[in-house]
């Protein structure tokens, strides 16, 4: 389980990094708080941060529950979580450069979330049935 916990905290640190990058984009572009738009470069970074936040709500519980119910497969759960983190970085780089090219990063983020949700659901159901 420590690997799953490590992936969970790395995902939180990644979100923290994206928040810092959004703050940096705000300073560089001159978009004053509380505005959430106003310059294309800031808008792109802000959307990366917000999209990552939206996915974290699904990712973290699915990751931790899949790790709990499939304790013999924590290597797989951690690998799926790592795929999510890599996908978020791919998404970030693509979205900031050209939002039309964000598809690969989005897919690399969503696929592991879906698999982890299914693993967690199966684990919970099997636990209820036993």
N, C-alpha and C. Protein backbone atom coordinates (compact mmCIF):
# COMPACT_ATOMS: atom_id res chain seq x y z
N UNK A 1 0.81 -1.22 0.00
CA UNK A 1 0.00 0.00 0.00
C UNK A 1 0.84 1.27 0.00
N UNK A 2 2.08 1.25 0.49
CA UNK A 2 2.86 2.50 0.45
C UNK A 2 3.02 3.06 -0.96
N UNK A 3 3.08 2.19 -1.97
CA UNK A 3 3.21 2.68 -3.34
C UNK A 3 1.95 3.43 -3.77
N UNK A 4 0.81 2.91 -3.38
CA UNK A 4 -0.45 3.57 -3.70
C UNK A 4 -0.51 4.92 -2.98
N UNK A 5 -0.10 4.94 -1.72
CA UNK A 5 -0.08 6.20 -0.97
C UNK A 5 0.89 7.19 -1.60
N UNK A 6 2.03 6.70 -2.07
CA UNK A 6 3.00 7.56 -2.74
C UNK A 6 2.40 8.18 -4.00
N UNK A 7 1.71 7.38 -4.79
CA UNK A 7 1.07 7.89 -6.00
C UNK A 7 0.01 8.93 -5.64
N UNK A 8 -0.74 8.68 -4.58
CA UNK A 8 -1.78 9.63 -4.15
C UNK A 8 -1.16 10.97 -3.79
N UNK A 9 -0.10 10.97 -3.02
CA UNK A 9 0.50 12.24 -2.61
C UNK A 9 1.21 12.90 -3.79
N UNK A 10 1.75 12.13 -4.71
CA UNK A 10 2.35 12.72 -5.92
C UNK A 10 1.29 13.41 -6.77
N UNK A 11 0.10 12.84 -6.84
CA UNK A 11 -0.99 13.48 -7.58
C UNK A 11 -1.39 14.80 -6.92
N UNK A 12 -1.40 14.83 -5.60
CA UNK A 12 -1.71 16.08 -4.89
C UNK A 12 -0.60 17.10 -5.13
N UNK A 13 0.66 16.67 -5.09
CA UNK A 13 1.78 17.57 -5.37
C UNK A 13 1.73 18.09 -6.80
N UNK A 14 1.32 17.24 -7.72
CA UNK A 14 1.17 17.68 -9.11
C UNK A 14 0.12 18.78 -9.21
N UNK A 15 -0.99 18.60 -8.51
CA UNK A 15 -2.02 19.63 -8.51
C UNK A 15 -1.47 20.93 -7.90
N UNK A 16 -0.70 20.81 -6.84
CA UNK A 16 -0.07 21.98 -6.23
C UNK A 16 0.83 22.69 -7.24
N UNK A 17 1.60 21.91 -7.99
CA UNK A 17 2.46 22.47 -9.04
C UNK A 17 1.63 23.22 -10.08
N UNK A 18 0.52 22.62 -10.52
CA UNK A 18 -0.34 23.29 -11.50
C UNK A 18 -0.92 24.58 -10.92
N UNK A 19 -1.23 24.58 -9.64
CA UNK A 19 -1.73 25.81 -8.99
C UNK A 19 -0.64 26.89 -9.01
N UNK A 20 0.60 26.50 -8.73
CA UNK A 20 1.70 27.46 -8.79
C UNK A 20 1.88 27.99 -10.21
N UNK A 21 1.76 27.11 -11.19
CA UNK A 21 1.90 27.52 -12.59
C UNK A 21 0.78 28.48 -12.99
N UNK A 22 -0.41 28.26 -12.44
CA UNK A 22 -1.52 29.16 -12.72
C UNK A 22 -1.25 30.53 -12.10
N UNK A 23 -0.74 30.54 -10.89
CA UNK A 23 -0.37 31.80 -10.26
C UNK A 23 0.71 32.53 -11.05
N UNK A 24 1.66 31.78 -11.54
CA UNK A 24 2.72 32.37 -12.36
C UNK A 24 2.13 32.96 -13.64
N UNK A 25 1.23 32.21 -14.27
CA UNK A 25 0.59 32.69 -15.50
C UNK A 25 -0.21 33.96 -15.21
N UNK A 26 -0.83 34.02 -14.05
CA UNK A 26 -1.59 35.22 -13.66
C UNK A 26 -0.64 36.43 -13.59
N UNK A 27 0.52 36.24 -12.98
CA UNK A 27 1.48 37.34 -12.85
C UNK A 27 2.05 37.75 -14.20
N UNK A 28 2.42 36.77 -15.01
CA UNK A 28 3.04 37.05 -16.31
C UNK A 28 2.07 37.76 -17.25
N UNK A 29 0.81 37.35 -17.23
CA UNK A 29 -0.18 37.90 -18.17
C UNK A 29 -0.90 39.12 -17.64
N UNK A 30 -0.79 39.38 -16.33
CA UNK A 30 -1.44 40.54 -15.74
C UNK A 30 -2.92 40.36 -15.45
N UNK A 31 -3.39 39.12 -15.44
CA UNK A 31 -4.79 38.87 -15.09
C UNK A 31 -4.91 38.99 -13.57
N UNK A 32 -5.67 39.98 -13.13
CA UNK A 32 -5.80 40.27 -11.70
C UNK A 32 -6.90 39.42 -11.06
N UNK A 33 -6.65 38.96 -9.84
CA UNK A 33 -7.66 38.24 -9.09
C UNK A 33 -8.81 39.19 -8.79
N UNK A 34 -10.02 38.77 -8.80
CA UNK A 34 -10.52 37.40 -8.86
C UNK A 34 -10.85 36.91 -10.27
N UNK A 35 -10.42 37.63 -11.31
CA UNK A 35 -10.72 37.22 -12.68
C UNK A 35 -10.20 35.81 -12.96
N UNK A 36 -10.96 35.06 -13.71
CA UNK A 36 -10.55 33.71 -14.10
C UNK A 36 -10.39 33.58 -15.60
N UNK A 37 -10.36 34.71 -16.28
CA UNK A 37 -10.06 34.74 -17.71
C UNK A 37 -9.59 36.13 -18.06
N UNK A 38 -9.06 36.26 -19.27
CA UNK A 38 -8.61 37.58 -19.69
C UNK A 38 -7.39 37.56 -20.58
N UNK A 39 -6.67 36.46 -20.57
CA UNK A 39 -5.52 36.31 -21.46
C UNK A 39 -5.43 34.83 -21.83
N UNK A 40 -5.24 34.55 -23.10
CA UNK A 40 -5.27 33.16 -23.58
C UNK A 40 -4.28 32.26 -22.84
N UNK A 41 -3.07 32.75 -22.59
CA UNK A 41 -2.08 31.92 -21.89
C UNK A 41 -2.54 31.60 -20.46
N UNK A 42 -3.08 32.59 -19.77
CA UNK A 42 -3.60 32.35 -18.44
C UNK A 42 -4.79 31.41 -18.50
N UNK A 43 -5.70 31.64 -19.43
CA UNK A 43 -6.90 30.81 -19.55
C UNK A 43 -6.55 29.34 -19.73
N UNK A 44 -5.55 29.06 -20.53
CA UNK A 44 -5.13 27.67 -20.77
C UNK A 44 -4.59 27.03 -19.50
N UNK A 45 -3.72 27.73 -18.79
CA UNK A 45 -3.15 27.17 -17.56
C UNK A 45 -4.22 26.99 -16.51
N UNK A 46 -5.12 27.95 -16.42
CA UNK A 46 -6.22 27.86 -15.46
C UNK A 46 -7.09 26.64 -15.76
N UNK A 47 -7.36 26.37 -17.04
CA UNK A 47 -8.17 25.20 -17.41
C UNK A 47 -7.44 23.90 -17.07
N UNK A 48 -6.13 23.87 -17.23
CA UNK A 48 -5.37 22.67 -16.83
C UNK A 48 -5.55 22.45 -15.33
N UNK A 49 -5.41 23.51 -14.55
CA UNK A 49 -5.56 23.38 -13.10
C UNK A 49 -6.97 22.92 -12.74
N UNK A 50 -7.98 23.54 -13.32
CA UNK A 50 -9.37 23.20 -12.96
C UNK A 50 -9.75 21.81 -13.45
N UNK A 51 -9.29 21.43 -14.64
CA UNK A 51 -9.60 20.09 -15.13
C UNK A 51 -8.93 19.04 -14.26
N UNK A 52 -7.73 19.33 -13.80
CA UNK A 52 -7.04 18.40 -12.90
C UNK A 52 -7.78 18.28 -11.58
N UNK A 53 -8.27 19.39 -11.06
CA UNK A 53 -9.06 19.35 -9.83
C UNK A 53 -10.33 18.51 -10.03
N UNK A 54 -10.99 18.70 -11.16
CA UNK A 54 -12.21 17.94 -11.45
C UNK A 54 -11.92 16.44 -11.48
N UNK A 55 -10.78 16.06 -12.02
CA UNK A 55 -10.43 14.64 -12.10
C UNK A 55 -9.95 14.08 -10.77
N UNK A 56 -9.29 14.91 -9.96
CA UNK A 56 -8.81 14.43 -8.66
C UNK A 56 -9.96 13.94 -7.78
N UNK A 57 -11.13 14.55 -7.93
CA UNK A 57 -12.30 14.15 -7.15
C UNK A 57 -12.66 12.69 -7.43
N UNK A 58 -12.44 12.23 -8.65
CA UNK A 58 -12.68 10.83 -9.00
C UNK A 58 -11.46 9.97 -8.74
N UNK A 59 -10.29 10.51 -9.07
CA UNK A 59 -9.07 9.72 -9.03
C UNK A 59 -8.68 9.26 -7.63
N UNK A 60 -8.61 10.18 -6.68
CA UNK A 60 -8.10 9.81 -5.36
C UNK A 60 -8.94 8.75 -4.65
N UNK A 61 -10.27 8.89 -4.56
CA UNK A 61 -11.03 7.83 -3.90
C UNK A 61 -10.93 6.49 -4.64
N UNK A 62 -10.96 6.56 -5.98
CA UNK A 62 -10.87 5.31 -6.75
C UNK A 62 -9.52 4.64 -6.53
N UNK A 63 -8.44 5.43 -6.51
CA UNK A 63 -7.10 4.89 -6.29
C UNK A 63 -7.00 4.23 -4.92
N UNK A 64 -7.44 4.95 -3.88
CA UNK A 64 -7.30 4.43 -2.52
C UNK A 64 -8.21 3.23 -2.27
N UNK A 65 -9.41 3.25 -2.81
CA UNK A 65 -10.31 2.10 -2.63
C UNK A 65 -9.84 0.89 -3.43
N UNK A 66 -9.36 1.10 -4.64
CA UNK A 66 -8.82 -0.02 -5.42
C UNK A 66 -7.61 -0.62 -4.69
N UNK A 67 -6.77 0.23 -4.13
CA UNK A 67 -5.62 -0.26 -3.36
C UNK A 67 -6.03 -1.04 -2.13
N UNK A 68 -7.12 -0.61 -1.50
CA UNK A 68 -7.62 -1.30 -0.30
C UNK A 68 -8.18 -2.68 -0.65
N UNK A 69 -9.03 -2.73 -1.66
CA UNK A 69 -9.72 -3.98 -1.97
C UNK A 69 -8.90 -4.93 -2.83
N UNK A 70 -7.86 -4.44 -3.46
CA UNK A 70 -6.98 -5.29 -4.25
C UNK A 70 -5.56 -5.17 -3.70
N UNK A 71 -5.42 -5.44 -2.42
CA UNK A 71 -4.13 -5.27 -1.74
C UNK A 71 -3.05 -6.17 -2.32
N UNK A 72 -3.43 -7.27 -2.95
CA UNK A 72 -2.45 -8.13 -3.60
C UNK A 72 -1.99 -7.60 -4.94
N UNK A 73 -2.66 -6.57 -5.44
CA UNK A 73 -2.32 -5.99 -6.73
C UNK A 73 -1.96 -4.50 -6.61
N UNK A 74 -1.36 -4.14 -5.48
CA UNK A 74 -1.05 -2.72 -5.30
C UNK A 74 -0.08 -2.21 -6.36
N UNK A 75 0.75 -3.10 -6.90
CA UNK A 75 1.65 -2.70 -7.99
C UNK A 75 0.84 -2.24 -9.20
N UNK A 76 -0.27 -2.92 -9.49
CA UNK A 76 -1.12 -2.54 -10.62
C UNK A 76 -1.85 -1.24 -10.34
N UNK A 77 -2.37 -1.11 -9.12
CA UNK A 77 -3.06 0.12 -8.73
C UNK A 77 -2.10 1.30 -8.81
N UNK A 78 -0.89 1.13 -8.29
CA UNK A 78 0.11 2.20 -8.34
C UNK A 78 0.52 2.51 -9.78
N UNK A 79 0.61 1.49 -10.61
CA UNK A 79 0.95 1.70 -12.03
C UNK A 79 -0.15 2.50 -12.73
N UNK A 80 -1.39 2.16 -12.45
CA UNK A 80 -2.50 2.92 -13.04
C UNK A 80 -2.49 4.36 -12.55
N UNK A 81 -2.20 4.54 -11.28
CA UNK A 81 -2.09 5.89 -10.74
C UNK A 81 -0.95 6.67 -11.37
N UNK A 82 0.15 5.99 -11.62
CA UNK A 82 1.29 6.64 -12.27
C UNK A 82 0.93 7.04 -13.70
N UNK A 83 0.15 6.20 -14.36
CA UNK A 83 -0.32 6.52 -15.71
C UNK A 83 -1.16 7.79 -15.70
N UNK A 84 -2.00 7.94 -14.67
CA UNK A 84 -2.80 9.15 -14.52
C UNK A 84 -1.89 10.38 -14.40
N UNK A 85 -0.88 10.29 -13.54
CA UNK A 85 0.02 11.43 -13.32
C UNK A 85 0.76 11.79 -14.61
N UNK A 86 1.25 10.79 -15.31
CA UNK A 86 1.92 11.05 -16.59
C UNK A 86 0.93 11.68 -17.57
N UNK A 87 -0.29 11.15 -17.59
CA UNK A 87 -1.32 11.70 -18.47
C UNK A 87 -1.61 13.16 -18.19
N UNK A 88 -1.61 13.54 -16.91
CA UNK A 88 -1.85 14.94 -16.54
C UNK A 88 -0.72 15.84 -17.04
N UNK A 89 0.53 15.35 -16.97
CA UNK A 89 1.65 16.15 -17.49
C UNK A 89 1.57 16.27 -19.01
N UNK A 90 1.21 15.18 -19.68
CA UNK A 90 1.05 15.22 -21.13
C UNK A 90 -0.07 16.20 -21.49
N UNK A 91 -1.17 16.13 -20.74
CA UNK A 91 -2.30 17.04 -20.95
C UNK A 91 -1.87 18.50 -20.77
N UNK A 92 -1.15 18.76 -19.69
CA UNK A 92 -0.67 20.11 -19.40
C UNK A 92 0.16 20.66 -20.56
N UNK A 93 1.16 19.90 -20.98
CA UNK A 93 2.05 20.38 -22.04
C UNK A 93 1.27 20.62 -23.34
N UNK A 94 0.37 19.70 -23.66
CA UNK A 94 -0.39 19.84 -24.89
C UNK A 94 -1.37 21.01 -24.81
N UNK A 95 -2.10 21.10 -23.71
CA UNK A 95 -3.14 22.13 -23.59
C UNK A 95 -2.54 23.53 -23.60
N UNK A 96 -1.43 23.72 -22.91
CA UNK A 96 -0.80 25.03 -22.89
C UNK A 96 -0.27 25.39 -24.29
N UNK A 97 0.20 24.39 -25.03
CA UNK A 97 0.72 24.64 -26.38
C UNK A 97 -0.38 24.80 -27.42
N UNK A 98 -1.31 23.85 -27.46
CA UNK A 98 -2.41 23.86 -28.43
C UNK A 98 -3.53 22.98 -27.87
N UNK A 99 -4.58 23.60 -27.34
CA UNK A 99 -5.65 22.82 -26.71
C UNK A 99 -6.25 21.71 -27.59
N UNK A 100 -6.17 21.88 -28.89
CA UNK A 100 -6.71 20.85 -29.78
C UNK A 100 -5.92 19.55 -29.70
N UNK A 101 -4.72 19.60 -29.16
CA UNK A 101 -3.85 18.41 -29.07
C UNK A 101 -3.86 17.77 -27.69
N UNK A 102 -4.85 18.08 -26.87
CA UNK A 102 -4.89 17.58 -25.49
C UNK A 102 -5.43 16.15 -25.37
N UNK A 103 -5.91 15.58 -26.45
CA UNK A 103 -6.59 14.29 -26.42
C UNK A 103 -5.80 13.15 -25.80
N UNK A 104 -4.54 13.00 -26.17
CA UNK A 104 -3.73 11.91 -25.62
C UNK A 104 -3.60 12.03 -24.12
N UNK A 105 -3.27 13.22 -23.64
CA UNK A 105 -3.14 13.43 -22.20
C UNK A 105 -4.44 13.20 -21.47
N UNK A 106 -5.55 13.62 -22.07
CA UNK A 106 -6.85 13.39 -21.46
C UNK A 106 -7.15 11.90 -21.38
N UNK A 107 -6.87 11.18 -22.46
CA UNK A 107 -7.09 9.73 -22.46
C UNK A 107 -6.22 9.01 -21.44
N UNK A 108 -4.95 9.43 -21.33
CA UNK A 108 -4.05 8.81 -20.37
C UNK A 108 -4.44 9.13 -18.93
N UNK A 109 -5.28 10.13 -18.75
CA UNK A 109 -5.79 10.47 -17.42
C UNK A 109 -7.10 9.74 -17.12
N UNK A 110 -7.98 9.70 -18.10
CA UNK A 110 -9.31 9.12 -17.89
C UNK A 110 -9.31 7.59 -17.84
N UNK A 111 -8.52 6.95 -18.67
CA UNK A 111 -8.51 5.48 -18.70
C UNK A 111 -8.15 4.88 -17.34
N UNK A 112 -7.06 5.33 -16.70
CA UNK A 112 -6.76 4.74 -15.39
C UNK A 112 -7.83 5.04 -14.35
N UNK A 113 -8.45 6.21 -14.44
CA UNK A 113 -9.54 6.52 -13.50
C UNK A 113 -10.67 5.53 -13.67
N UNK A 114 -11.06 5.28 -14.91
CA UNK A 114 -12.14 4.34 -15.17
C UNK A 114 -11.80 2.94 -14.66
N UNK A 115 -10.59 2.48 -14.92
CA UNK A 115 -10.18 1.15 -14.45
C UNK A 115 -10.16 1.10 -12.93
N UNK A 116 -9.65 2.15 -12.29
CA UNK A 116 -9.61 2.17 -10.82
C UNK A 116 -11.02 2.21 -10.22
N UNK A 117 -11.92 2.95 -10.83
CA UNK A 117 -13.32 2.97 -10.36
C UNK A 117 -13.92 1.58 -10.46
N UNK A 118 -13.70 0.90 -11.58
CA UNK A 118 -14.24 -0.45 -11.75
C UNK A 118 -13.62 -1.42 -10.75
N UNK A 119 -12.32 -1.31 -10.53
CA UNK A 119 -11.66 -2.17 -9.53
C UNK A 119 -12.24 -1.92 -8.15
N UNK A 120 -12.41 -0.66 -7.78
CA UNK A 120 -12.96 -0.33 -6.46
C UNK A 120 -14.38 -0.88 -6.33
N UNK A 121 -15.18 -0.71 -7.36
CA UNK A 121 -16.56 -1.19 -7.33
C UNK A 121 -16.62 -2.71 -7.20
N UNK A 122 -15.82 -3.40 -7.99
CA UNK A 122 -15.78 -4.86 -7.91
C UNK A 122 -15.31 -5.29 -6.52
N UNK A 123 -14.29 -4.65 -6.00
CA UNK A 123 -13.78 -4.99 -4.66
C UNK A 123 -14.84 -4.79 -3.59
N UNK A 124 -15.57 -3.70 -3.67
CA UNK A 124 -16.63 -3.42 -2.68
C UNK A 124 -17.73 -4.47 -2.79
N UNK A 125 -18.16 -4.77 -4.01
CA UNK A 125 -19.24 -5.75 -4.20
C UNK A 125 -18.80 -7.12 -3.71
N UNK A 126 -17.59 -7.54 -4.06
CA UNK A 126 -17.09 -8.85 -3.58
C UNK A 126 -17.00 -8.88 -2.06
N UNK A 127 -16.61 -7.80 -1.48
CA UNK A 127 -16.54 -7.73 -0.02
C UNK A 127 -17.92 -7.84 0.62
N UNK A 128 -18.91 -7.21 0.00
CA UNK A 128 -20.29 -7.30 0.51
C UNK A 128 -20.86 -8.71 0.37
N UNK A 129 -20.46 -9.40 -0.68
CA UNK A 129 -20.98 -10.75 -0.92
C UNK A 129 -20.31 -11.82 -0.09
N UNK A 130 -19.15 -11.51 0.47
CA UNK A 130 -18.44 -12.56 1.23
C UNK A 130 -18.77 -12.51 2.70
